[in-house]
Amino acid sequence: MTQFPTVLAGMTLALASPPSGALAQASPAPSAQRGGQRDFEWETGTWTTKVRVRRNPLSGEAPVWVEYQGTSVVKPVSDGRANLVELSVTGPKGKIEGVSLRLYNPAARQWSLNFASYRDGMLTAPVYGSFDASGRGLFYGQDMLDGRAILVRFIVTRVSPNEARFDQAYSADGGVTWEDNWNAVDTRR
């Protein structure tokens, strides 16, 4: 579970709505005038990806981070109503390879982000969310970590046309505090 983000990763309980108060405080709902189907268009293409993965999330111990580097290839699917991210990064603990399927729900004006690792071939449950007026994507879900229920927050930030950040954090206290466990910086090739 700690080898890849819940989104781009593993969840057992999908949310129809975000954790109590978490999304409502963090991200305004998309306006009625703005659809979100094109929210990921800017990301289409090939990226150099640098990833940091926390090996011991929510352990109470000093963080142990492992770094990986490789590529992400983002392709639109179904006229932009979905996209596919192919990830392949290598580091001292081996490879992280998989595919993320992002699907847009026009009725809810939300995206679901789903990940499957090539390591085990399992498709994870999604995290759900949308992009706010500033273009930052906020996505929330539930997961299990070492037998306990946790919340997951995934943030997508377009830094510039040629750089993006992807940050995942876990919360064991209902969203009061968050601990990063996955950080990725993508640079357009």
Protein backbone atom coordinates (compact mmCIF):
# COMPACT_ATOMS: atom_id res chain seq x y z
CA MET A 1 0.00 0.00 0.00
CA THR A 2 2.81 2.42 0.71
CA GLN A 3 4.37 1.86 -2.70
CA PHE A 4 1.92 3.95 -4.68
CA PRO A 5 -0.62 6.66 -3.99
CA THR A 6 -4.18 5.70 -3.47
CA VAL A 7 -5.18 7.61 -6.49
CA LEU A 8 -2.61 7.15 -8.91
CA ALA A 9 -3.72 3.66 -5.23
CA GLY A 10 -5.31 1.31 -2.89
CA MET A 11 -8.63 1.86 -1.17
CA THR A 12 -11.21 -0.47 0.21
CA LEU A 13 -14.12 1.88 0.87
CA ALA A 14 -15.27 4.31 -1.80
CA LEU A 15 -16.94 7.54 -0.77
CA ALA A 16 -20.02 8.89 -2.44
CA SER A 17 -19.16 12.17 -0.74
CA PRO A 18 -16.00 13.41 0.96
CA PRO A 19 -15.21 12.82 4.63
CA SER A 20 -17.35 14.90 6.95
CA GLY A 21 -16.34 18.51 6.46
CA ALA A 22 -13.03 17.68 4.76
CA LEU A 23 -13.91 18.55 1.17
CA ALA A 24 -16.42 21.23 2.08
CA GLN A 25 -13.72 23.19 3.91
CA ALA A 26 -10.91 22.50 1.46
CA SER A 27 -12.52 22.87 -1.94
CA PRO A 28 -15.52 24.84 -3.14
CA ALA A 29 -17.99 22.93 -5.28
CA PRO A 30 -17.64 23.52 -9.02
CA SER A 31 -19.88 26.31 -10.21
CA ALA A 32 -22.99 25.53 -12.21
CA GLN A 33 -21.46 27.34 -15.20
CA ARG A 34 -18.23 25.36 -15.21
CA GLY A 35 -17.97 21.72 -16.21
CA GLY A 36 -14.85 19.81 -15.31
CA GLN A 37 -14.53 17.42 -18.23
CA ARG A 38 -11.43 19.20 -19.53
CA ASP A 39 -9.70 19.63 -16.16
CA PHE A 40 -6.84 17.23 -16.99
CA GLU A 41 -6.31 18.30 -20.65
CA TRP A 42 -3.22 20.32 -19.72
CA GLU A 43 -1.51 17.14 -18.56
CA THR A 44 -1.64 15.25 -21.86
CA GLY A 45 1.84 14.18 -22.96
CA THR A 46 5.03 12.62 -21.60
CA TRP A 47 6.55 13.72 -18.30
CA THR A 48 9.71 13.02 -16.32
CA THR A 49 8.48 11.95 -12.90
CA LYS A 50 10.33 12.20 -9.59
CA VAL A 51 8.54 10.47 -6.71
CA ARG A 52 9.10 10.31 -2.95
CA VAL A 53 7.29 7.52 -1.12
CA ARG A 54 7.06 7.30 2.66
CA ARG A 55 7.75 3.70 3.63
CA ASN A 56 6.30 3.99 7.16
CA PRO A 57 3.14 6.13 7.00
CA LEU A 58 1.17 6.81 10.17
CA SER A 59 3.66 4.79 12.20
CA GLY A 60 4.56 7.55 14.67
CA GLU A 61 8.20 7.01 13.70
CA ALA A 62 10.57 9.37 11.92
CA PRO A 63 9.72 9.36 8.20
CA VAL A 64 11.59 6.92 5.98
CA TRP A 65 11.42 8.17 2.37
CA VAL A 66 12.47 6.36 -0.80
CA GLU A 67 12.94 8.21 -4.11
CA TYR A 68 12.09 7.01 -7.60
CA GLN A 69 12.46 8.50 -11.07
CA GLY A 70 11.00 7.63 -14.46
CA THR A 71 8.14 8.65 -16.70
CA SER A 72 4.42 9.31 -16.74
CA VAL A 73 2.53 9.27 -20.02
CA VAL A 74 -0.94 10.86 -19.98
CA LYS A 75 -3.40 10.07 -22.77
CA PRO A 76 -6.98 11.33 -23.22
CA VAL A 77 -9.66 8.66 -23.65
CA SER A 78 -13.26 8.95 -24.89
CA ASP A 79 -13.03 12.54 -26.08
CA GLY A 80 -11.62 13.78 -22.77
CA ARG A 81 -14.24 12.19 -20.52
CA ALA A 82 -11.43 10.04 -19.15
CA ASN A 83 -7.68 9.82 -19.28
CA LEU A 84 -5.06 7.19 -18.70
CA VAL A 85 -1.75 7.71 -16.90
CA GLU A 86 0.98 5.13 -17.44
CA LEU A 87 3.57 5.34 -14.65
CA SER A 88 6.99 3.70 -14.61
CA VAL A 89 9.54 4.80 -12.01
CA THR A 90 12.63 3.09 -10.60
CA GLY A 91 14.44 3.55 -7.31
CA PRO A 92 16.54 1.73 -4.71
CA LYS A 93 13.54 -0.42 -3.67
CA GLY A 94 12.76 -1.48 -7.25
CA LYS A 95 10.08 -0.32 -9.67
CA ILE A 96 6.65 1.17 -9.32
CA GLU A 97 4.64 0.55 -12.46
CA GLY A 98 0.96 0.86 -13.13
CA VAL A 99 -1.86 2.70 -14.76
CA SER A 100 -4.24 5.31 -13.39
CA LEU A 101 -7.68 5.66 -14.96
CA ARG A 102 -9.39 8.99 -14.30
CA LEU A 103 -13.09 9.14 -15.10
CA TYR A 104 -15.29 12.23 -15.21
CA ASN A 105 -18.89 12.11 -13.94
CA PRO A 106 -20.74 15.08 -15.54
CA ALA A 107 -23.80 14.75 -13.29
CA ALA A 108 -21.68 15.03 -10.11
CA ARG A 109 -19.04 17.24 -11.77
CA GLN A 110 -16.42 15.08 -10.13
CA TRP A 111 -13.54 12.90 -11.17
CA SER A 112 -12.82 9.46 -9.82
CA LEU A 113 -9.14 8.49 -9.80
CA ASN A 114 -8.38 4.76 -9.92
CA PHE A 115 -5.02 2.99 -9.88
CA ALA A 116 -3.87 -0.50 -10.79
CA SER A 117 -0.36 -1.69 -10.04
CA TYR A 118 1.29 -4.02 -12.52
CA ARG A 119 2.82 -5.73 -9.48
CA ASP A 120 -0.46 -7.39 -8.48
CA GLY A 121 -2.92 -6.43 -11.25
CA MET A 122 -5.48 -5.16 -8.74
CA LEU A 123 -7.64 -2.13 -9.50
CA THR A 124 -8.09 -0.02 -6.39
CA ALA A 125 -11.18 1.82 -5.26
CA PRO A 126 -11.23 5.46 -6.35
CA VAL A 127 -10.77 8.79 -4.64
CA TYR A 128 -13.27 11.45 -5.68
CA GLY A 129 -13.08 15.18 -6.19
CA SER A 130 -12.79 18.12 -8.51
CA PHE A 131 -10.72 21.15 -9.40
CA ASP A 132 -11.39 24.47 -7.72
CA ALA A 133 -11.48 27.86 -9.47
CA SER A 134 -7.69 28.22 -9.10
CA GLY A 135 -7.13 24.93 -10.95
CA ARG A 136 -6.06 22.84 -7.94
CA GLY A 137 -7.55 19.37 -7.79
CA LEU A 138 -8.66 17.98 -4.42
CA PHE A 139 -9.66 14.33 -4.11
CA TYR A 140 -10.71 12.34 -1.03
CA GLY A 141 -11.38 8.74 -0.16
CA GLN A 142 -11.14 6.05 2.49
CA ASP A 143 -8.59 3.29 2.80
CA MET A 144 -7.25 0.67 5.16
CA LEU A 145 -3.68 0.79 6.44
CA ASP A 146 -2.36 -1.96 8.71
CA GLY A 147 -5.92 -2.99 9.57
CA ARG A 148 -7.27 0.46 10.47
CA ALA A 149 -9.55 2.76 8.54
CA ILE A 150 -7.93 5.97 7.33
CA LEU A 151 -8.78 8.92 5.10
CA VAL A 152 -6.82 9.75 1.97
CA ARG A 153 -6.35 13.20 0.43
CA PHE A 154 -4.79 13.64 -3.02
CA ILE A 155 -3.91 17.09 -4.35
CA VAL A 156 -3.05 17.85 -7.99
CA THR A 157 -1.31 21.20 -8.54
CA ARG A 158 -0.45 22.61 -11.97
CA VAL A 159 2.67 24.63 -11.12
CA SER A 160 3.20 25.79 -14.72
CA PRO A 161 2.45 24.47 -18.23
CA ASN A 162 5.58 22.31 -17.85
CA GLU A 163 5.46 21.26 -14.19
CA ALA A 164 2.90 19.58 -11.92
CA ARG A 165 2.82 18.30 -8.31
CA PHE A 166 0.91 15.36 -6.91
CA ASP A 167 0.70 15.06 -3.13
CA GLN A 168 -1.03 12.32 -1.20
CA ALA A 169 -1.57 12.35 2.56
CA TYR A 170 -3.19 10.03 5.08
CA SER A 171 -5.23 10.91 8.15
CA ALA A 172 -5.98 8.55 11.04
CA ASP A 173 -8.02 11.15 12.96
CA GLY A 174 -10.90 11.91 10.60
CA GLY A 175 -9.09 14.64 8.67
CA VAL A 176 -7.97 16.76 11.62
CA THR A 177 -4.31 16.17 10.75
CA TRP A 178 -2.69 14.88 7.56
CA GLU A 179 0.65 13.14 6.97
CA ASP A 180 2.21 13.14 3.49
CA ASN A 181 3.10 9.70 2.16
CA TRP A 182 3.55 10.35 -1.59
CA ASN A 183 4.97 13.37 -3.40
CA ALA A 184 5.59 13.51 -7.14
CA VAL A 185 6.90 16.29 -9.34
CA ASP A 186 6.35 15.93 -13.08
CA THR A 187 8.28 17.95 -15.65
CA ARG A 188 7.11 17.96 -19.25
CA ARG A 189 9.52 16.31 -21.72
